[in-house]
Protein backbone atom coordinates (compact mmCIF):
# COMPACT_ATOMS: atom_id res chain seq x y z
CA UNK A 1 21.94 -24.01 8.22
CA UNK A 2 21.40 -24.48 4.69
CA UNK A 3 19.30 -22.20 2.35
CA UNK A 4 16.45 -22.70 0.08
CA UNK A 5 17.60 -21.98 -3.45
CA UNK A 6 15.10 -19.13 -4.04
CA UNK A 7 14.92 -17.77 -0.47
CA UNK A 8 17.51 -14.59 -0.42
CA UNK A 9 20.32 -15.98 1.75
CA UNK A 10 21.26 -12.76 2.97
CA UNK A 11 17.79 -12.90 5.23
CA UNK A 12 19.15 -16.13 6.75
CA UNK A 13 22.56 -14.41 7.30
CA UNK A 14 21.42 -11.96 8.60
CA UNK A 15 18.93 -13.90 11.22
CA UNK A 16 21.94 -16.04 12.18
CA UNK A 17 24.08 -12.79 13.27
CA UNK A 18 23.64 -12.28 16.73
CA UNK A 19 24.96 -8.80 16.81
CA UNK A 20 22.18 -7.70 13.67
CA UNK A 21 19.56 -8.60 16.03
CA UNK A 22 18.17 -5.62 19.06
CA UNK A 23 15.98 -6.24 21.51
CA UNK A 24 12.65 -5.59 21.38
CA UNK A 25 12.73 -2.79 23.31
CA UNK A 26 15.10 -1.52 20.45
CA UNK A 27 14.21 -2.71 17.89
CA UNK A 28 12.83 0.24 15.78
CA UNK A 29 16.28 1.69 15.79
CA UNK A 30 17.07 -0.76 13.17
CA UNK A 31 19.42 -0.56 10.14
CA UNK A 32 17.68 1.55 7.29
CA UNK A 33 18.84 2.60 3.91
CA UNK A 34 15.36 3.38 2.90
CA UNK A 35 14.61 7.08 1.12
CA UNK A 36 12.38 9.48 2.40
CA UNK A 37 9.68 8.12 -0.40
CA UNK A 38 9.27 4.77 1.56
CA UNK A 39 6.37 4.96 3.67
CA UNK A 40 6.38 2.00 5.61
CA UNK A 41 7.84 2.32 9.54
CA UNK A 42 7.78 -0.52 12.18
CA UNK A 43 7.55 0.95 15.89
CA UNK A 44 7.68 -1.00 18.97
CA UNK A 45 4.21 -0.71 21.01
CA UNK A 46 4.09 0.45 24.95
CA UNK A 47 4.28 -3.44 25.82
CA UNK A 48 7.84 -3.75 24.14
CA UNK A 49 7.33 -6.90 22.67
CA UNK A 50 5.02 -6.14 20.07
CA UNK A 51 6.11 -4.55 16.63
CA UNK A 52 3.77 -2.42 14.24
CA UNK A 53 4.31 -1.94 10.87
CA UNK A 54 2.41 1.37 9.33
CA UNK A 55 2.23 3.00 6.75
CA UNK A 56 1.93 6.58 6.94
CA UNK A 57 0.70 6.34 10.15
CA UNK A 58 -2.24 3.72 8.86
CA UNK A 59 -1.36 0.47 10.77
CA UNK A 60 -0.34 -2.58 8.15
CA UNK A 61 0.04 -5.55 10.89
CA UNK A 62 0.98 -6.49 14.56
CA UNK A 63 3.91 -9.32 15.63
CA UNK A 64 2.91 -10.30 18.83
CA UNK A 65 7.05 -11.16 19.67
CA UNK A 66 6.56 -11.25 23.38
CA UNK A 67 4.22 -13.60 25.41
CA UNK A 68 0.68 -12.03 25.38
CA UNK A 69 -0.81 -13.29 28.60
CA UNK A 70 -4.45 -14.40 29.26
CA UNK A 71 -7.38 -11.59 28.72
CA UNK A 72 -8.74 -10.12 32.05
CA UNK A 73 -11.92 -11.68 31.47
CA UNK A 74 -10.79 -15.17 30.54
CA UNK A 75 -12.74 -16.69 33.50
CA UNK A 76 -15.51 -15.04 32.00
CA UNK A 77 -15.49 -15.52 27.90
CA UNK A 78 -14.19 -18.84 27.78
CA UNK A 79 -16.33 -22.48 28.84
CA UNK A 80 -15.04 -24.32 31.57
CA UNK A 81 -14.35 -27.08 28.32
CA UNK A 82 -12.23 -24.26 26.63
CA UNK A 83 -10.06 -22.53 29.68
CA UNK A 84 -7.46 -25.38 29.10
CA UNK A 85 -7.05 -23.69 25.36
CA UNK A 86 -6.52 -19.80 26.91
CA UNK A 87 -3.15 -19.95 27.24
CA UNK A 88 -0.67 -17.39 26.93
CA UNK A 89 0.77 -17.17 23.08
CA UNK A 90 3.46 -15.49 21.42
CA UNK A 91 5.09 -15.55 17.85
CA UNK A 92 2.19 -14.54 15.86
CA UNK A 93 0.60 -11.52 13.74
CA UNK A 94 -2.68 -9.89 14.93
CA UNK A 95 -4.31 -7.52 13.32
CA UNK A 96 -3.69 -7.50 9.80
CA UNK A 97 -5.39 -5.01 8.74
CA UNK A 98 -6.98 -3.84 5.56
CA UNK A 99 -5.86 -0.90 3.41
CA UNK A 100 -7.99 1.74 5.56
CA UNK A 101 -6.56 0.12 9.04
CA UNK A 102 -9.69 -2.21 9.03
CA UNK A 103 -9.09 -5.47 11.49
CA UNK A 104 -8.80 -8.63 9.25
CA UNK A 105 -8.02 -11.20 11.89
CA UNK A 106 -9.41 -12.75 15.11
CA UNK A 107 -7.76 -13.33 18.54
CA UNK A 108 -8.74 -15.25 21.36
CA UNK A 109 -12.36 -16.10 20.02
CA UNK A 110 -14.68 -17.49 22.14
CA UNK A 111 -14.94 -20.92 20.89
CA UNK A 112 -11.56 -21.66 20.19
CA UNK A 113 -9.26 -19.60 22.71
CA UNK A 114 -6.39 -20.59 20.82
CA UNK A 115 -7.07 -18.94 17.08
CA UNK A 116 -4.52 -16.34 17.29
CA UNK A 117 -4.64 -13.88 13.93
CA UNK A 118 -2.18 -15.63 11.56
CA UNK A 119 0.54 -17.98 13.14
CA UNK A 120 2.34 -20.82 11.85
CA UNK A 121 1.85 -23.94 13.81
CA UNK A 122 1.04 -27.70 14.23
CA UNK A 123 -1.75 -30.05 15.99
CA UNK A 124 0.74 -32.91 16.30
CA UNK A 125 4.56 -32.09 17.31
CA UNK A 126 6.27 -35.06 17.97
CA UNK A 127 9.73 -35.28 20.13
CA UNK A 128 10.65 -38.04 21.59
CA UNK A 129 8.11 -40.50 21.81
CA UNK A 130 5.86 -37.81 23.22
CA UNK A 131 3.09 -35.60 21.49
CA UNK A 132 2.32 -31.74 21.91
CA UNK A 133 -0.10 -29.66 20.16
CA UNK A 134 1.75 -26.25 18.86
CA UNK A 135 -1.62 -25.20 17.29
CA UNK A 136 -3.55 -25.70 20.30
CA UNK A 137 -0.68 -24.74 22.72
CA UNK A 138 -0.85 -27.90 24.48
CA UNK A 139 2.71 -29.31 25.65
CA UNK A 140 5.02 -27.20 23.17
CA UNK A 141 4.63 -23.39 22.69
CA UNK A 142 7.19 -21.44 20.57
CA UNK A 143 9.06 -18.80 22.66
CA UNK A 144 11.10 -15.68 21.72
CA UNK A 145 14.81 -16.02 22.31
CA UNK A 146 15.41 -12.02 22.04
CA UNK A 147 16.67 -12.23 18.91
CA UNK A 148 15.26 -9.48 16.75
CA UNK A 149 15.68 -7.34 14.13
CA UNK A 150 13.89 -4.72 11.84
CA UNK A 151 15.00 -3.52 8.48
CA UNK A 152 13.58 -0.65 6.09
CA UNK A 153 14.73 -0.70 2.74
CA UNK A 154 13.81 0.92 -0.63
CA UNK A 155 10.25 -0.72 -1.30
CA UNK A 156 9.57 -2.90 2.07
CA UNK A 157 10.12 -2.93 5.16
CA UNK A 158 10.90 -6.36 7.20
CA UNK A 159 11.06 -8.17 10.75
CA UNK A 160 13.19 -10.86 11.44
CA UNK A 161 13.02 -12.94 14.59
CA UNK A 162 14.05 -16.18 16.32
CA UNK A 163 11.75 -18.51 18.47
CA UNK A 164 12.71 -21.43 20.11
CA UNK A 165 9.60 -24.40 20.03
CA UNK A 166 10.19 -25.60 24.08
CA UNK A 167 8.76 -28.85 25.31
CA UNK A 168 6.72 -28.20 28.25
CA UNK A 169 8.24 -24.73 28.05
CA UNK A 170 11.15 -25.68 28.93
CA UNK A 171 13.13 -27.61 26.76
CA UNK A 172 14.43 -26.14 23.25
CA UNK A 173 13.63 -28.78 20.39
CA UNK A 174 13.41 -26.41 17.23
CA UNK A 175 14.55 -23.22 16.14
CA UNK A 176 12.20 -21.06 14.24
CA UNK A 177 13.56 -18.14 12.10
CA UNK A 178 10.25 -16.11 11.13
CA UNK A 179 10.93 -13.00 8.08
CA UNK A 180 7.88 -10.72 8.06
CA UNK A 181 7.76 -8.54 5.02
CA UNK A 182 5.72 -5.75 4.38
CA UNK A 183 5.62 -4.03 0.88
CA UNK A 184 4.72 -0.38 -0.55
CA UNK A 185 1.32 -0.52 -1.77
CA UNK A 186 1.03 -1.51 -5.63
CA UNK A 187 -2.22 -1.07 -8.46
CA UNK A 188 -2.53 -5.47 -6.65
CA UNK A 189 -2.59 -3.76 -3.30
CA UNK A 190 -0.02 -4.62 -0.42
CA UNK A 191 2.25 -7.60 -0.62
CA UNK A 192 3.26 -9.39 2.49
CA UNK A 193 5.54 -12.08 2.35
CA UNK A 194 6.10 -14.74 5.39
CA UNK A 195 9.18 -17.05 5.33
CA UNK A 196 9.95 -19.60 7.80
CA UNK A 197 12.80 -21.84 9.01
CA UNK A 198 12.62 -24.37 11.32
CA UNK A 199 15.56 -26.04 12.71
CA UNK A 200 15.66 -29.25 15.13
CA UNK A 201 18.25 -28.32 17.91
CA UNK A 202 18.84 -32.41 18.94
CA UNK A 203 16.64 -34.82 18.26
CA UNK A 204 14.18 -35.01 15.17
CA UNK A 205 10.81 -33.08 15.43
CA UNK A 206 7.84 -34.97 13.43
CA UNK A 207 5.03 -32.35 12.54
CA UNK A 208 2.05 -33.35 10.97
CA UNK A 209 -1.74 -32.21 10.51
CA UNK A 210 -4.52 -33.01 13.06
CA UNK A 211 -4.91 -36.86 12.26
CA UNK A 212 -2.68 -36.45 9.27
CA UNK A 213 -5.54 -35.51 7.18
CA UNK A 214 -7.49 -31.70 8.23
CA UNK A 215 -5.57 -28.98 9.49
CA UNK A 216 -2.30 -27.91 10.42
CA UNK A 217 0.68 -25.61 9.00
CA UNK A 218 0.01 -21.73 8.33
CA UNK A 219 -3.46 -20.89 10.34
CA UNK A 220 -5.13 -18.01 9.15
CA UNK A 221 -8.06 -16.65 11.46
CA UNK A 222 -10.03 -13.94 9.82
CA UNK A 223 -12.15 -11.31 12.00
CA UNK A 224 -16.30 -11.68 10.77
CA UNK A 225 -16.83 -10.45 7.47
CA UNK A 226 -20.63 -9.23 5.89
CA UNK A 227 -21.09 -11.03 2.49
CA UNK A 228 -17.82 -12.90 2.73
CA UNK A 229 -16.75 -14.73 -0.32
CA UNK A 230 -14.24 -17.48 -0.35
CA UNK A 231 -12.44 -18.98 -3.23
CA UNK A 232 -9.29 -21.38 -3.81
CA UNK A 233 -7.61 -22.83 -6.84
CA UNK A 234 -4.72 -25.05 -7.35
CA UNK A 235 -2.98 -25.74 -10.75
CA UNK A 236 -3.21 -29.55 -12.37
CA UNK A 237 -0.18 -31.36 -11.93
CA UNK A 238 0.08 -31.00 -15.61
CA UNK A 239 0.69 -27.27 -15.70
CA UNK A 240 3.66 -25.93 -16.61
CA UNK A 241 3.65 -23.66 -14.31
CA UNK A 242 2.05 -24.40 -11.33
CA UNK A 243 -0.02 -22.26 -8.72
CA UNK A 244 -2.15 -22.32 -5.53
CA UNK A 245 -3.69 -19.25 -4.30
CA UNK A 246 -7.07 -18.52 -2.21
CA UNK A 247 -8.91 -15.67 -1.87
CA UNK A 248 -11.53 -14.16 0.83
CA UNK A 249 -13.37 -11.17 0.34
CA UNK A 250 -16.25 -8.97 2.36
CA UNK A 251 -16.93 -6.41 4.14
CA UNK A 252 -15.11 -6.17 7.78
CA UNK A 253 -16.56 -5.08 10.92
CA UNK A 254 -16.62 -1.77 11.18
CA UNK A 255 -15.49 -1.32 7.56
CA UNK A 256 -17.38 1.00 4.92
CA UNK A 257 -16.44 -1.03 1.39
CA UNK A 258 -15.30 -4.69 0.25
CA UNK A 259 -11.60 -5.76 0.94
CA UNK A 260 -9.98 -8.61 -0.27
CA UNK A 261 -7.21 -10.81 1.19
CA UNK A 262 -5.02 -13.30 -1.69
CA UNK A 263 -2.64 -16.05 0.00
CA UNK A 264 -0.36 -17.64 -2.03
CA UNK A 265 1.83 -20.67 -1.58
CA UNK A 266 5.39 -20.88 -3.24
CA UNK A 267 5.78 -23.26 -5.52
CA UNK A 268 9.23 -23.69 -4.05
CA UNK A 269 7.72 -25.26 -0.48
CA UNK A 270 8.80 -28.75 -0.29
CA UNK A 271 5.49 -31.03 -1.15
CA UNK A 272 3.77 -28.25 -2.73
CA UNK A 273 0.93 -27.69 -3.14
CA UNK A 274 -0.52 -28.01 -0.06
CA UNK A 275 -4.95 -28.85 0.28
CA UNK A 276 -6.84 -25.85 1.44
CA UNK A 277 -8.91 -26.20 4.28
CA UNK A 278 -11.56 -24.16 5.13
CA UNK A 279 -14.33 -23.96 8.25
CA UNK A 280 -16.63 -20.51 6.66
CA UNK A 281 -18.26 -21.30 9.94
CA UNK A 282 -15.01 -19.94 11.81
CA UNK A 283 -13.62 -17.46 9.13
CA UNK A 284 -11.21 -19.66 8.96
CA UNK A 285 -8.83 -20.33 5.83
CA UNK A 286 -5.30 -22.28 5.56
CA UNK A 287 -3.07 -23.82 2.93
CA UNK A 288 -2.07 -27.55 4.77
CA UNK A 289 1.64 -28.83 4.92
CA UNK A 290 2.11 -31.59 4.96
CA UNK A 291 0.57 -34.05 2.81
CA UNK A 292 -2.56 -35.69 4.52
CA UNK A 293 -1.72 -39.28 5.90
CA UNK A 294 1.96 -38.01 6.15
CA UNK A 295 4.02 -36.73 8.79
CA UNK A 296 7.08 -33.93 8.04
CA UNK A 297 10.53 -34.98 9.94
CA UNK A 298 12.35 -31.77 10.79
CA UNK A 299 15.95 -32.35 11.47
CA UNK A 300 19.28 -30.82 12.54
CA UNK A 301 20.68 -30.73 9.03
CA UNK A 302 18.27 -30.36 6.75
CA UNK A 303 15.63 -27.42 7.80
CA UNK A 304 12.21 -27.06 7.14
CA UNK A 305 11.52 -24.02 4.62
CA UNK A 306 7.76 -22.76 3.82
CA UNK A 307 7.05 -19.24 2.08
CA UNK A 308 3.89 -17.80 1.83
CA UNK A 309 2.81 -14.14 0.52
CA UNK A 310 -0.35 -12.36 1.20
CA UNK A 311 -2.42 -9.70 -0.73
CA UNK A 312 -4.58 -6.97 0.98
CA UNK A 313 -6.27 -4.62 -1.06
CA UNK A 314 -9.80 -2.92 -1.73
CA UNK A 315 -12.80 -4.33 -3.81
CA UNK A 316 -13.47 -8.11 -4.58
CA UNK A 317 -11.02 -9.63 -6.77
CA UNK A 318 -10.92 -10.04 -10.81
CA UNK A 319 -9.89 -13.23 -12.98
CA UNK A 320 -6.87 -10.37 -14.31
CA UNK A 321 -5.91 -9.94 -10.88
CA UNK A 322 -6.06 -12.81 -9.24
CA UNK A 323 -3.82 -13.96 -12.97
CA UNK A 324 -1.40 -11.31 -11.76
CA UNK A 325 -1.00 -11.85 -7.86
CA UNK A 326 -0.86 -15.44 -8.44
CA UNK A 327 2.84 -15.10 -10.35
CA UNK A 328 4.96 -15.99 -7.04
CA UNK A 329 7.95 -14.01 -7.95
CA UNK A 330 9.97 -13.65 -4.78
CA UNK A 331 10.91 -10.33 -3.57
CA UNK A 332 14.74 -9.40 -3.25
CA UNK A 333 16.41 -7.15 -0.30
CA UNK A 334 16.82 -3.99 -2.24
C-alpha cells in the first residue's frame, strides 16, 4: 500500500498490522502514551460495535463500526417507497456533538432513510460491469473486517478502522482504511480529522457522483438548526495556496447558543478542490469527489486517498477565524 506524501505513514503502517488491531469490545484498551493532561478518551458502548470519543465526560462523536440495524419503527416511520433504503448500515459517524454535547448530525431521517450522519460513500460504484450505490445502500455495502484500533496521544485520540466494500454483502471489492482523529480543544475550536484510503482488492472499481454531476463523496447530513447559515469558499486557481472550506452555523435543537462547523478539504486530495454541494432543506452539505462529469478508478496498485478536517466551535465564524481554520496543517503523531 502506497502512502500519500503528506499523510503520516505510521498511521497506515499501524492500520495494516493485524497485531495492532483490537476487537471492538477491547478497543478502548488500546495503546496510550498520553499524559494525564489529555482529557480525551475513547470508550466502547454497550453494543460492542460503537466507539465514542469523549472529552472529560462530554461526548465528541460516535463511530459506528459494526452494523446498525433498522429502527424498530421502520415500517411506519418510512414511506413504502423509502423502505428499500432503510437498510442496516455501518462505518459512519453519528452523532457529531457540539462543544456542550449538542447533537449536530441526523440518522435515519424519514425522507431519506439512508442518510447517516457523516459518511463516505458514492451513489455510483461500478464493478465488473455492474453498478451499485454505496450512498443509498443498494448492491454494495461497507462492512467491518474486525480490525480496529484506537490510540491516545498527547493532544489527540484516534480510531483506525478497516472495512471492506462488499458486493451484494458478500464479495469484497475494496479495502478501506478510515482514520478518525479528534484533537483537544483550541481557541479555534476542536479539530477532527478524517483520513481515508481505498484500495481495490482485485478488479478495478470506479466511483462517481450521481449522474457524474451532482452529489457523492464525503456526505454530511446535519440535524436541523434554528437560524442556519451556510457559506462556502474556494480560492481561485491563481491563488498561491488554494483553500476550500465551508461553514454551517446555527442553534441546534435543544441547544442554548450558536454552534459553528467548518469543513476543510485537504489541498493534497486528488482533483482538489471538489465542488461544494448543499441541500439546505435537508440540512445537507458536502465537498464532492470526483470532478463533475468523470469517474475515478480505484485500483489494487494505486489507492485513493482523501483527507478532510472538521472544526466544531461555539458561535458564528468570523473572517479572522475562517482564515485561521482554513490553513491546512496536517496533524502528526505525537
